[in-house]
Amino acid sequence: MRTSDRIFVEIPITITGTDPAGQQFAESTRAIVLSRRGARIISKHALFPEQHLTLRCLKTGLDAPVRVVGPIMAEGEVCHYGIAFLQPEVNIWGIHFPVLDGTENPAGRLFLECADCHVQEVVHLDVFELEVFLANKYLARPCSQCATRTSWLRSASKEESLPAERAAPESPPSYSQERKSPRINLKVLVCLRHPEYGQDVVSTENVSRGGFRFRSQKDYPSGTVLEAALPYSAGAANIFTPVRIVHRSVGVGAQNFAYGVAYVPAPLAPSLTGLRITQPK
């Protein structure tokens, strides 16, 4: 059960513990996925399930005891592990994560940073906030630390310029009120991932609070659960969340399949942390 969003971003950490031979070790490494209750880390040591470590976030200087949930995948001489905080109320990342209770249903998820004080938050956007952000590359929103309304920008995971997140529409976005939540005919990049079908970066045709529609060359069966990052930008800290294929049709042309997907509510979302999913390039 997911209790918070996961941010796919690299952050330097240190881990200390005892190896299977009984020797103490300290390793400088990195976490590549962050959540409120744990992380996905990389280590050259052979860690084992239920092993206790101390993890320090070098960005904040805070540390916390963690347990190893288990290995996820090997990558050369290192291995990816899932870890969970033994004291989940301790926030060593310095990031605000909204609690997922199954009632949230945002059109998009972003990892944003206050332009003034640089505090970071996971922000859930409705369809109109998403459109404003895509048009301006920032949002004006309250900052609790600055105690005023400030500009919030997207946090990047690497020191590189970010590509445009959508193609400019040929005409103003149109809206449909036929469903419970409005759909915006909006083109925005979304990255889809699945352990069997791999990674697929496509453009949406429309977006709503409940999901989105897209076309792809890949043939996903109806009911397939994917992980989706919307909006997606290479080099940025993207947030992936489960979606389910609820509509599939076959068309013509290069992108032969059209899909409608719905976000999977948090309490019902399957855990994908143990699947063999590689980090986005």
Foldseek 3Di string as FASTA:
>chain_A
DDFWFKWQFKFWKKKWAAAPVRDTDIDIFIFGIDTLWWTKTKDLGDAAFQGKIWMAGPVQRDIAIKTWHHWAADDPSMTITIIGGPPSVDGRPQEATDTADQPAQAQAWAWKAFPPPRRIYIDGHFPVQLVVCLVPQWDFDDDPVVRGTTIIHGAFNDPDDWDRFFDDDPDAWDWDPPDPWIKTQGWGWKWKADLVPGIDIWTFRIIGSFWTKTFAQDDDDFFDKIWMWPRDIPRTTTITAIKGFHDWDADDDNRGIMTTIGGDRPVRGDDCSNGNHDRDD
